[in-house]
Amino acid sequence: MLKETVRTLTVDGLEFAYRRVQPAAPQYEPLVVLGGAFQRMYDWPQLEDAVTEVAGLVTVDLPGAGDSDWLRPEHTIDVLDAALAAVVDDLRVPRVNLYGYSYGSVFAFRYAQRHPERCARLLLGGVPARISDAQLARFTDARRLLDAGDKEGFVAGLAAEMFCLDESRHIHRRDLALRYFRRSLLRTLRKPMSEDVLDRAFGSRIAFTGGLTGVPTLVFAGEHDTVSTPDEQRAFASTIEGSQFVTIPDCDHMLLMERADAATSLIESFLTETPARPGTAPRTASFHLVPSESAPSLN
């Protein structure tokens, strides 16, 4: 039987919440999940069904996400780091498994660097390892459309950055994912301060530098990710000692919409240490791991 609790915490005057779903007899450390800019703590039903068979699941609305308090202009990334640390401390467990996707991978990686002794395992997906000047310029152009009141134009511009729209590349459920993305983003834009959240998530770059040792880590990417390519994410993974890297076929940066089954299977297997053969992930929900040490280093 599962026990669900929602806790509200405060950091620097900002209230935020996390949700914990706990099985009666967990076999592994709880999995703390940090999603992308548009994901809320209730947006993980498929992962919840899989993980809570063996471990607790903790999903977080950091400040600026979901119904948590909005960040003030003076707040930096440090307040989000502090919020994640507060969640882990509040769980009152020696260690956690930590999973960050896209924007959430920033905070998961930074926490693991600061507190490796608290991380049993680390999963990072869709890592924005390299954001180019051209990408930032295109976001600025799209942002101008939003400032002018053209929400549809802004959504189209952001979708072009988040999705691989090259029709010669097979993307599973691309049209369905695009429709969901459009509805979700338009809904987000109705909220006060939503522009600030978007600016923080898409209008700046955060360096994934410094490497990491002492934490078993898996990095995964969609094979057609255009935010940061699989090669760029593999290069980032190579800075993490002993890490493994997986490319999931037939998807892009929005793989959690397009290949949720494959991502869930991958995460569950890594947490439970299911053996895997060398290679690249096939086009089913199963996967293979490849050592990231063979990848080129970040310059």
C-alpha atoms as a PDB file:
ATOM      1  CA  MET A   1       0.000   0.000   0.000  1.00  0.00           C
ATOM      2  CA  LEU A   2       1.295   3.446  -0.920  1.00  0.00           C
ATOM      3  CA  LYS A   3       1.402   6.411   1.428  1.00  0.00           C
ATOM      4  CA  GLU A   4       1.218   9.888  -0.124  1.00  0.00           C
ATOM      5  CA  THR A   5       2.289  13.068   1.639  1.00  0.00           C
ATOM      6  CA  VAL A   6       2.741  16.645   0.436  1.00  0.00           C
ATOM      7  CA  ARG A   7       5.078  18.884   2.389  1.00  0.00           C
ATOM      8  CA  THR A   8       5.517  22.655   2.176  1.00  0.00           C
ATOM      9  CA  LEU A   9       8.935  24.128   2.897  1.00  0.00           C
ATOM     10  CA  THR A  10      10.350  27.651   2.926  1.00  0.00           C
ATOM     11  CA  VAL A  11      13.654  28.965   1.636  1.00  0.00           C
ATOM     12  CA  ASP A  12      14.564  32.665   1.659  1.00  0.00           C
ATOM     13  CA  GLY A  13      10.918  33.561   2.263  1.00  0.00           C
ATOM     14  CA  LEU A  14       9.642  31.452  -0.648  1.00  0.00           C
ATOM     15  CA  GLU A  15       7.170  28.643  -0.040  1.00  0.00           C
ATOM     16  CA  PHE A  16       7.440  25.561  -2.223  1.00  0.00           C
ATOM     17  CA  ALA A  17       6.250  21.979  -2.062  1.00  0.00           C
ATOM     18  CA  TYR A  18       7.202  18.412  -2.705  1.00  0.00           C
ATOM     19  CA  ARG A  19       5.151  15.233  -2.946  1.00  0.00           C
ATOM     20  CA  ARG A  20       6.299  11.886  -1.581  1.00  0.00           C
ATOM     21  CA  VAL A  21       4.752   8.541  -2.527  1.00  0.00           C
ATOM     22  CA  GLN A  22       6.152   5.783  -0.357  1.00  0.00           C
ATOM     23  CA  PRO A  23       5.640   1.999  -0.548  1.00  0.00           C
ATOM     24  CA  ALA A  24       5.298   0.022   2.670  1.00  0.00           C
ATOM     25  CA  ALA A  25       8.624  -1.777   2.237  1.00  0.00           C
ATOM     26  CA  PRO A  26      10.957   0.114  -0.127  1.00  0.00           C
ATOM     27  CA  GLN A  27      14.011  -1.783  -1.351  1.00  0.00           C
ATOM     28  CA  TYR A  28      15.987   1.229  -2.579  1.00  0.00           C
ATOM     29  CA  GLU A  29      16.609   4.838  -1.658  1.00  0.00           C
ATOM     30  CA  PRO A  30      13.818   7.261  -2.669  1.00  0.00           C
ATOM     31  CA  LEU A  31      14.022   8.791  -6.135  1.00  0.00           C
ATOM     32  CA  VAL A  32      13.889  12.600  -6.078  1.00  0.00           C
ATOM     33  CA  VAL A  33      12.672  13.956  -9.433  1.00  0.00           C
ATOM     34  CA  LEU A  34      13.249  17.409 -10.931  1.00  0.00           C
ATOM     35  CA  GLY A  35      11.581  17.990 -14.290  1.00  0.00           C
ATOM     36  CA  GLY A  36      11.744  20.582 -17.016  1.00  0.00           C
ATOM     37  CA  ALA A  37      10.392  24.111 -16.954  1.00  0.00           C
ATOM     38  CA  PHE A  38       6.807  22.997 -17.646  1.00  0.00           C
ATOM     39  CA  GLN A  39       6.636  19.897 -15.449  1.00  0.00           C
ATOM     40  CA  ARG A  40       4.815  19.885 -12.126  1.00  0.00           C
ATOM     41  CA  MET A  41       5.082  17.463  -9.254  1.00  0.00           C
ATOM     42  CA  TYR A  42       1.920  15.620 -10.354  1.00  0.00           C
ATOM     43  CA  ASP A  43       3.150  15.062 -13.918  1.00  0.00           C
ATOM     44  CA  TRP A  44       4.900  11.723 -13.372  1.00  0.00           C
ATOM     45  CA  PRO A  45       2.186   8.992 -13.280  1.00  0.00           C
ATOM     46  CA  GLN A  46       4.013   6.447 -15.442  1.00  0.00           C
ATOM     47  CA  LEU A  47       7.255   6.818 -13.517  1.00  0.00           C
ATOM     48  CA  GLU A  48       5.315   6.662 -10.255  1.00  0.00           C
ATOM     49  CA  ASP A  49       3.687   3.363 -11.180  1.00  0.00           C
ATOM     50  CA  ALA A  50       7.050   1.803 -12.009  1.00  0.00           C
ATOM     51  CA  VAL A  51       9.294   3.197  -9.287  1.00  0.00           C
ATOM     52  CA  THR A  52       6.961   2.836  -6.303  1.00  0.00           C
ATOM     53  CA  GLU A  53       7.045  -0.934  -6.658  1.00  0.00           C
ATOM     54  CA  VAL A  54      10.559  -0.812  -5.176  1.00  0.00           C
ATOM     55  CA  ALA A  55      11.250   2.723  -3.894  1.00  0.00           C
ATOM     56  CA  GLY A  56       9.660   5.948  -2.801  1.00  0.00           C
ATOM     57  CA  LEU A  57       9.107   8.687  -5.377  1.00  0.00           C
ATOM     58  CA  VAL A  58       9.596  12.354  -4.497  1.00  0.00           C
ATOM     59  CA  THR A  59       8.511  14.980  -7.032  1.00  0.00           C
ATOM     60  CA  VAL A  60       9.303  18.627  -6.439  1.00  0.00           C
ATOM     61  CA  ASP A  61       7.863  22.000  -7.390  1.00  0.00           C
ATOM     62  CA  LEU A  62      10.858  24.233  -6.752  1.00  0.00           C
ATOM     63  CA  PRO A  63      10.201  27.970  -6.296  1.00  0.00           C
ATOM     64  CA  GLY A  64       8.855  29.291  -9.595  1.00  0.00           C
ATOM     65  CA  ALA A  65       7.232  25.973 -10.548  1.00  0.00           C
ATOM     66  CA  GLY A  66       3.687  24.690 -10.113  1.00  0.00           C
ATOM     67  CA  ASP A  67       1.883  26.404  -7.261  1.00  0.00           C
ATOM     68  CA  SER A  68       5.074  27.328  -5.418  1.00  0.00           C
ATOM     69  CA  ASP A  69       5.976  30.964  -4.823  1.00  0.00           C
ATOM     70  CA  TRP A  70       7.456  32.850  -7.753  1.00  0.00           C
ATOM     71  CA  LEU A  71      11.088  33.828  -7.667  1.00  0.00           C
ATOM     72  CA  ARG A  72      11.841  37.488  -7.066  1.00  0.00           C
ATOM     73  CA  PRO A  73      14.173  39.398  -9.412  1.00  0.00           C
ATOM     74  CA  GLU A  74      17.025  39.295  -6.899  1.00  0.00           C
ATOM     75  CA  HIS A  75      16.960  35.516  -6.650  1.00  0.00           C
ATOM     76  CA  THR A  76      19.677  33.523  -8.380  1.00  0.00           C
ATOM     77  CA  ILE A  77      20.133  29.846  -9.067  1.00  0.00           C
ATOM     78  CA  ASP A  78      21.506  29.516  -5.539  1.00  0.00           C
ATOM     79  CA  VAL A  79      18.039  29.735  -4.001  1.00  0.00           C
ATOM     80  CA  LEU A  80      16.924  26.770  -6.117  1.00  0.00           C
ATOM     81  CA  ASP A  81      19.993  24.831  -5.027  1.00  0.00           C
ATOM     82  CA  ALA A  82      19.056  25.607  -1.431  1.00  0.00           C
ATOM     83  CA  ALA A  83      15.467  24.497  -2.017  1.00  0.00           C
ATOM     84  CA  LEU A  84      16.565  21.109  -3.336  1.00  0.00           C
ATOM     85  CA  ALA A  85      18.935  20.665  -0.400  1.00  0.00           C
ATOM     86  CA  ALA A  86      16.047  21.455   1.957  1.00  0.00           C
ATOM     87  CA  VAL A  87      13.911  18.742   0.338  1.00  0.00           C
ATOM     88  CA  VAL A  88      16.616  16.092   0.713  1.00  0.00           C
ATOM     89  CA  ASP A  89      17.201  17.073   4.339  1.00  0.00           C
ATOM     90  CA  ASP A  90      13.465  17.018   5.060  1.00  0.00           C
ATOM     91  CA  LEU A  91      13.191  13.429   3.808  1.00  0.00           C
ATOM     92  CA  ARG A  92      15.359  12.335   6.748  1.00  0.00           C
ATOM     93  CA  VAL A  93      17.134   9.565   4.879  1.00  0.00           C
ATOM     94  CA  PRO A  94      20.904   9.071   4.595  1.00  0.00           C
ATOM     95  CA  ARG A  95      20.929   9.045   0.781  1.00  0.00           C
ATOM     96  CA  VAL A  96      18.627   9.532  -2.186  1.00  0.00           C
ATOM     97  CA  ASN A  97      18.576   8.671  -5.854  1.00  0.00           C
ATOM     98  CA  LEU A  98      18.440  11.905  -7.825  1.00  0.00           C
ATOM     99  CA  TYR A  99      16.920  12.373 -11.290  1.00  0.00           C
ATOM    100  CA  GLY A 100      16.893  15.621 -13.229  1.00  0.00           C
ATOM    101  CA  TYR A 101      15.567  16.121 -16.735  1.00  0.00           C
ATOM    102  CA  SER A 102      16.299  19.150 -18.948  1.00  0.00           C
ATOM    103  CA  TYR A 103      16.166  22.259 -16.713  1.00  0.00           C
ATOM    104  CA  GLY A 104      15.941  19.964 -13.694  1.00  0.00           C
ATOM    105  CA  SER A 105      19.257  18.335 -14.589  1.00  0.00           C
ATOM    106  CA  VAL A 106      20.982  21.607 -13.684  1.00  0.00           C
ATOM    107  CA  PHE A 107      19.979  21.367 -10.040  1.00  0.00           C
ATOM    108  CA  ALA A 108      20.399  17.607  -9.766  1.00  0.00           C
ATOM    109  CA  PHE A 109      23.967  17.820 -11.074  1.00  0.00           C
ATOM    110  CA  ARG A 110      24.878  20.789  -8.885  1.00  0.00           C
ATOM    111  CA  TYR A 111      23.498  19.042  -5.801  1.00  0.00           C
ATOM    112  CA  ALA A 112      25.481  15.882  -6.558  1.00  0.00           C
ATOM    113  CA  GLN A 113      28.652  17.951  -6.934  1.00  0.00           C
ATOM    114  CA  ARG A 114      28.113  19.575  -3.548  1.00  0.00           C
ATOM    115  CA  HIS A 115      26.798  16.532  -1.687  1.00  0.00           C
ATOM    116  CA  PRO A 116      28.058  13.340  -3.350  1.00  0.00           C
ATOM    117  CA  GLU A 117      27.782  11.478  -0.066  1.00  0.00           C
ATOM    118  CA  ARG A 118      23.997  12.002  -0.118  1.00  0.00           C
ATOM    119  CA  CYS A 119      23.511  10.612  -3.649  1.00  0.00           C
ATOM    120  CA  ALA A 120      23.171   6.862  -4.126  1.00  0.00           C
ATOM    121  CA  ARG A 121      22.688   7.240  -7.880  1.00  0.00           C
ATOM    122  CA  LEU A 122      22.290  10.125 -10.309  1.00  0.00           C
ATOM    123  CA  LEU A 123      20.233  10.182 -13.507  1.00  0.00           C
ATOM    124  CA  LEU A 124      20.417  13.112 -15.908  1.00  0.00           C
ATOM    125  CA  GLY A 125      18.387  13.342 -19.108  1.00  0.00           C
ATOM    126  CA  GLY A 126      18.092  15.934 -21.861  1.00  0.00           C
ATOM    127  CA  VAL A 127      21.011  17.849 -20.377  1.00  0.00           C
ATOM    128  CA  PRO A 128      21.381  21.379 -21.847  1.00  0.00           C
ATOM    129  CA  ALA A 129      25.128  20.823 -21.884  1.00  0.00           C
ATOM    130  CA  ARG A 130      25.857  23.448 -24.534  1.00  0.00           C
ATOM    131  CA  ILE A 131      23.587  26.343 -25.423  1.00  0.00           C
ATOM    132  CA  SER A 132      24.890  28.395 -28.345  1.00  0.00           C
ATOM    133  CA  ASP A 133      24.693  32.134 -28.914  1.00  0.00           C
ATOM    134  CA  ALA A 134      22.413  31.403 -31.875  1.00  0.00           C
ATOM    135  CA  GLN A 135      19.997  29.491 -29.653  1.00  0.00           C
ATOM    136  CA  LEU A 136      19.864  32.340 -27.153  1.00  0.00           C
ATOM    137  CA  ALA A 137      19.288  34.811 -29.993  1.00  0.00           C
ATOM    138  CA  ARG A 138      16.389  32.751 -31.332  1.00  0.00           C
ATOM    139  CA  PHE A 139      14.807  32.669 -27.889  1.00  0.00           C
ATOM    140  CA  THR A 140      15.188  36.459 -27.688  1.00  0.00           C
ATOM    141  CA  ASP A 141      13.427  36.784 -31.041  1.00  0.00           C
ATOM    142  CA  ALA A 142      10.592  34.551 -29.848  1.00  0.00           C
ATOM    143  CA  ARG A 143      10.408  36.506 -26.596  1.00  0.00           C
ATOM    144  CA  ARG A 144       9.860  39.716 -28.570  1.00  0.00           C
ATOM    145  CA  LEU A 145       6.806  38.101 -30.162  1.00  0.00           C
ATOM    146  CA  LEU A 146       5.441  37.355 -26.702  1.00  0.00           C
ATOM    147  CA  ASP A 147       6.094  40.930 -25.561  1.00  0.00           C
ATOM    148  CA  ALA A 148       4.132  42.101 -28.611  1.00  0.00           C
ATOM    149  CA  GLY A 149       1.184  39.915 -27.614  1.00  0.00           C
ATOM    150  CA  ASP A 150       1.752  37.174 -30.191  1.00  0.00           C
ATOM    151  CA  LYS A 151       1.481  34.121 -27.950  1.00  0.00           C
ATOM    152  CA  GLU A 152       0.985  31.722 -30.838  1.00  0.00           C
ATOM    153  CA  GLY A 153       4.108  33.034 -32.547  1.00  0.00           C
ATOM    154  CA  PHE A 154       6.086  32.645 -29.346  1.00  0.00           C
ATOM    155  CA  VAL A 155       4.865  29.079 -28.845  1.00  0.00           C
ATOM    156  CA  ALA A 156       5.771  28.199 -32.436  1.00  0.00           C
ATOM    157  CA  GLY A 157       9.239  29.693 -32.005  1.00  0.00           C
ATOM    158  CA  LEU A 158       9.892  27.833 -28.767  1.00  0.00           C
ATOM    159  CA  ALA A 159       8.555  24.575 -30.208  1.00  0.00           C
ATOM    160  CA  ALA A 160      11.025  24.898 -33.080  1.00  0.00           C
ATOM    161  CA  GLU A 161      13.810  24.975 -30.494  1.00  0.00           C
ATOM    162  CA  MET A 162      12.524  22.143 -28.308  1.00  0.00           C
ATOM    163  CA  PHE A 163      11.468  19.698 -31.038  1.00  0.00           C
ATOM    164  CA  CYS A 164      13.234  18.209 -34.034  1.00  0.00           C
ATOM    165  CA  LEU A 165      10.889  19.313 -36.823  1.00  0.00           C
ATOM    166  CA  ASP A 166      12.945  17.755 -39.612  1.00  0.00           C
ATOM    167  CA  GLU A 167      10.421  15.437 -41.273  1.00  0.00           C
ATOM    168  CA  SER A 168      13.225  13.199 -42.533  1.00  0.00           C
ATOM    169  CA  ARG A 169      13.895  12.226 -38.906  1.00  0.00           C
ATOM    170  CA  HIS A 170      11.431   9.768 -37.412  1.00  0.00           C
ATOM    171  CA  ILE A 171      10.070  11.079 -34.112  1.00  0.00           C
ATOM    172  CA  HIS A 172       7.624   8.847 -32.281  1.00  0.00           C
ATOM    173  CA  ARG A 173       4.326  10.640 -31.536  1.00  0.00           C
ATOM    174  CA  ARG A 174       5.743  13.979 -32.728  1.00  0.00           C
ATOM    175  CA  ASP A 175       2.379  15.520 -33.672  1.00  0.00           C
ATOM    176  CA  LEU A 176       0.743  14.447 -30.414  1.00  0.00           C
ATOM    177  CA  ALA A 177       3.654  15.786 -28.374  1.00  0.00           C
ATOM    178  CA  LEU A 178       3.563  19.091 -30.266  1.00  0.00           C
ATOM    179  CA  ARG A 179      -0.145  19.523 -29.551  1.00  0.00           C
ATOM    180  CA  TYR A 180       0.365  18.787 -25.873  1.00  0.00           C
ATOM    181  CA  PHE A 181       3.333  21.168 -25.713  1.00  0.00           C
ATOM    182  CA  ARG A 182       1.297  23.958 -27.309  1.00  0.00           C
ATOM    183  CA  ARG A 183      -1.620  23.544 -24.881  1.00  0.00           C
ATOM    184  CA  SER A 184       0.683  23.308 -21.890  1.00  0.00           C
ATOM    185  CA  LEU A 185       2.688  26.400 -22.810  1.00  0.00           C
ATOM    186  CA  LEU A 186      -0.387  28.514 -23.572  1.00  0.00           C
ATOM    187  CA  ARG A 187      -1.794  27.493 -20.193  1.00  0.00           C
ATOM    188  CA  THR A 188       1.476  28.443 -18.509  1.00  0.00           C
ATOM    189  CA  LEU A 189       1.445  31.862 -20.184  1.00  0.00           C
ATOM    190  CA  ARG A 190      -1.830  32.701 -18.456  1.00  0.00           C
ATOM    191  CA  LYS A 191      -0.093  32.658 -15.093  1.00  0.00           C
ATOM    192  CA  PRO A 192       1.488  35.769 -13.570  1.00  0.00           C
ATOM    193  CA  MET A 193       5.278  35.837 -13.721  1.00  0.00           C
ATOM    194  CA  SER A 194       5.349  33.057 -16.327  1.00  0.00           C
ATOM    195  CA  GLU A 195       7.631  35.151 -18.539  1.00  0.00           C
ATOM    196  CA  ASP A 196      10.205  35.260 -15.743  1.00  0.00           C
ATOM    197  CA  VAL A 197      10.168  31.465 -15.461  1.00  0.00           C
ATOM    198  CA  LEU A 198      10.681  31.139 -19.214  1.00  0.00           C
ATOM    199  CA  ASP A 199      13.502  33.675 -19.214  1.00  0.00           C
ATOM    200  CA  ARG A 200      15.305  31.801 -16.448  1.00  0.00           C
ATOM    201  CA  ALA A 201      14.882  28.422 -18.135  1.00  0.00           C
ATOM    202  CA  PHE A 202      15.557  29.376 -21.760  1.00  0.00           C
ATOM    203  CA  GLY A 203      17.135  32.816 -21.821  1.00  0.00           C
ATOM    204  CA  SER A 204      20.450  32.012 -20.180  1.00  0.00           C
ATOM    205  CA  ARG A 205      23.096  29.314 -20.116  1.00  0.00           C
ATOM    206  CA  ILE A 206      24.410  27.486 -17.080  1.00  0.00           C
ATOM    207  CA  ALA A 207      27.825  25.848 -17.281  1.00  0.00           C
ATOM    208  CA  PHE A 208      27.954  22.120 -16.580  1.00  0.00           C
ATOM    209  CA  THR A 209      31.565  22.225 -15.432  1.00  0.00           C
ATOM    210  CA  GLY A 210      33.639  20.776 -12.641  1.00  0.00           C
ATOM    211  CA  GLY A 211      32.962  17.104 -13.253  1.00  0.00           C
ATOM    212  CA  LEU A 212      31.824  14.626 -10.614  1.00  0.00           C
ATOM    213  CA  THR A 213      33.310  11.634  -8.834  1.00  0.00           C
ATOM    214  CA  GLY A 214      31.941   9.075  -6.419  1.00  0.00           C
ATOM    215  CA  VAL A 215      28.342   8.924  -7.679  1.00  0.00           C
ATOM    216  CA  PRO A 216      27.140   6.197 -10.100  1.00  0.00           C
ATOM    217  CA  THR A 217      25.628   8.233 -12.935  1.00  0.00           C
ATOM    218  CA  LEU A 218      23.566   7.628 -16.052  1.00  0.00           C
ATOM    219  CA  VAL A 219      23.089  10.330 -18.701  1.00  0.00           C
ATOM    220  CA  PHE A 220      20.549   9.814 -21.491  1.00  0.00           C
ATOM    221  CA  ALA A 221      19.383  11.757 -24.536  1.00  0.00           C
ATOM    222  CA  GLY A 222      16.990  11.501 -27.447  1.00  0.00           C
ATOM    223  CA  GLU A 223      18.868  10.668 -30.644  1.00  0.00           C
ATOM    224  CA  HIS A 224      17.474  13.777 -32.377  1.00  0.00           C
ATOM    225  CA  ASP A 225      17.778  16.216 -29.452  1.00  0.00           C
ATOM    226  CA  THR A 226      18.379  19.683 -30.909  1.00  0.00           C
ATOM    227  CA  VAL A 227      18.710  21.585 -27.620  1.00  0.00           C
ATOM    228  CA  SER A 228      22.026  19.865 -26.956  1.00  0.00           C
ATOM    229  CA  THR A 229      22.987  17.059 -29.302  1.00  0.00           C
ATOM    230  CA  PRO A 230      23.679  13.521 -28.084  1.00  0.00           C
ATOM    231  CA  ASP A 231      27.377  14.064 -28.834  1.00  0.00           C
ATOM    232  CA  GLU A 232      27.397  17.176 -26.646  1.00  0.00           C
ATOM    233  CA  GLN A 233      25.605  15.351 -23.852  1.00  0.00           C
ATOM    234  CA  ARG A 234      27.944  12.369 -24.185  1.00  0.00           C
ATOM    235  CA  ALA A 235      30.901  14.733 -23.897  1.00  0.00           C
ATOM    236  CA  PHE A 236      29.391  16.142 -20.717  1.00  0.00           C
ATOM    237  CA  ALA A 237      28.877  12.607 -19.382  1.00  0.00           C
ATOM    238  CA  SER A 238      32.562  11.890 -19.964  1.00  0.00           C
ATOM    239  CA  THR A 239      33.402  14.458 -17.262  1.00  0.00           C
ATOM    240  CA  ILE A 240      31.605  12.278 -14.687  1.00  0.00           C
ATOM    241  CA  GLU A 241      33.797   9.469 -13.417  1.00  0.00           C
ATOM    242  CA  GLY A 242      32.473   6.028 -14.338  1.00  0.00           C
ATOM    243  CA  SER A 243      29.266   7.359 -15.880  1.00  0.00           C
ATOM    244  CA  GLN A 244      27.251   5.625 -18.566  1.00  0.00           C
ATOM    245  CA  PHE A 245      25.434   7.149 -21.526  1.00  0.00           C
ATOM    246  CA  VAL A 246      22.332   6.086 -23.452  1.00  0.00           C
ATOM    247  CA  THR A 247      20.804   7.429 -26.647  1.00  0.00           C
ATOM    248  CA  ILE A 248      17.090   6.666 -27.042  1.00  0.00           C
ATOM    249  CA  PRO A 249      16.009   6.359 -30.705  1.00  0.00           C
ATOM    250  CA  ASP A 250      13.026   7.975 -32.427  1.00  0.00           C
ATOM    251  CA  CYS A 251      12.762  10.986 -30.116  1.00  0.00           C
ATOM    252  CA  ASP A 252      14.222  14.418 -29.451  1.00  0.00           C
ATOM    253  CA  HIS A 253      14.450  16.695 -26.404  1.00  0.00           C
ATOM    254  CA  MET A 254      10.795  16.007 -25.620  1.00  0.00           C
ATOM    255  CA  LEU A 255      11.407  12.289 -25.219  1.00  0.00           C
ATOM    256  CA  LEU A 256       9.401  12.129 -21.979  1.00  0.00           C
ATOM    257  CA  MET A 257       6.321  12.763 -24.124  1.00  0.00           C
ATOM    258  CA  GLU A 258       7.452  10.766 -27.140  1.00  0.00           C
ATOM    259  CA  ARG A 259       9.109   7.707 -25.552  1.00  0.00           C
ATOM    260  CA  ALA A 260       7.878   7.705 -21.954  1.00  0.00           C
ATOM    261  CA  ASP A 261       7.948   3.909 -21.911  1.00  0.00           C
ATOM    262  CA  ALA A 262      11.627   3.740 -22.851  1.00  0.00           C
ATOM    263  CA  ALA A 263      12.623   6.464 -20.383  1.00  0.00           C
ATOM    264  CA  THR A 264      10.712   4.809 -17.539  1.00  0.00           C
ATOM    265  CA  SER A 265      12.226   1.404 -18.292  1.00  0.00           C
ATOM    266  CA  LEU A 266      15.690   2.935 -18.416  1.00  0.00           C
ATOM    267  CA  ILE A 267      15.307   4.723 -15.090  1.00  0.00           C
ATOM    268  CA  GLU A 268      13.824   1.722 -13.303  1.00  0.00           C
ATOM    269  CA  SER A 269      16.547  -0.590 -14.589  1.00  0.00           C
ATOM    270  CA  PHE A 270      19.364   1.764 -13.602  1.00  0.00           C
ATOM    271  CA  LEU A 271      17.967   2.137 -10.091  1.00  0.00           C
ATOM    272  CA  THR A 272      17.657  -1.613  -9.642  1.00  0.00           C
ATOM    273  CA  GLU A 273      20.975  -2.382 -11.364  1.00  0.00           C
ATOM    274  CA  THR A 274      19.560  -4.553 -14.140  1.00  0.00           C
ATOM    275  CA  PRO A 275      22.524  -5.790 -16.228  1.00  0.00           C
ATOM    276  CA  ALA A 276      22.846  -4.247 -19.687  1.00  0.00           C
ATOM    277  CA  ARG A 277      24.936  -5.026 -22.768  1.00  0.00           C
ATOM    278  CA  PRO A 278      27.177  -2.471 -24.502  1.00  0.00           C
ATOM    279  CA  GLY A 279      25.609  -0.591 -27.376  1.00  0.00           C
ATOM    280  CA  THR A 280      22.930   1.964 -28.160  1.00  0.00           C
ATOM    281  CA  ALA A 281      19.343   1.815 -26.982  1.00  0.00           C
ATOM    282  CA  PRO A 282      17.117  -0.147 -29.387  1.00  0.00           C
ATOM    283  CA  ARG A 283      13.736   1.034 -30.594  1.00  0.00           C
ATOM    284  CA  THR A 284      11.855  -0.811 -27.862  1.00  0.00           C
ATOM    285  CA  ALA A 285      11.457   0.002 -24.190  1.00  0.00           C
ATOM    286  CA  SER A 286      14.622  -1.944 -23.330  1.00  0.00           C
ATOM    287  CA  PHE A 287      18.072  -0.348 -23.529  1.00  0.00           C
ATOM    288  CA  HIS A 288      21.811  -0.859 -23.602  1.00  0.00           C
ATOM    289  CA  LEU A 289      24.425   1.231 -21.823  1.00  0.00           C
ATOM    290  CA  VAL A 290      27.659   2.557 -23.249  1.00  0.00           C
ATOM    291  CA  PRO A 291      30.553   3.822 -21.128  1.00  0.00           C
ATOM    292  CA  SER A 292      30.932   7.558 -21.559  1.00  0.00           C
ATOM    293  CA  GLU A 293      34.704   7.521 -21.114  1.00  0.00           C
ATOM    294  CA  SER A 294      35.155   6.967 -24.843  1.00  0.00           C
ATOM    295  CA  ALA A 295      33.405  10.239 -25.640  1.00  0.00           C
ATOM    296  CA  PRO A 296      35.362  13.400 -26.424  1.00  0.00           C
ATOM    297  CA  SER A 297      36.044  15.742 -23.537  1.00  0.00           C
ATOM    298  CA  LEU A 298      34.446  19.154 -23.180  1.00  0.00           C
ATOM    299  CA  ASN A 299      36.681  21.976 -24.281  1.00  0.00           C
END
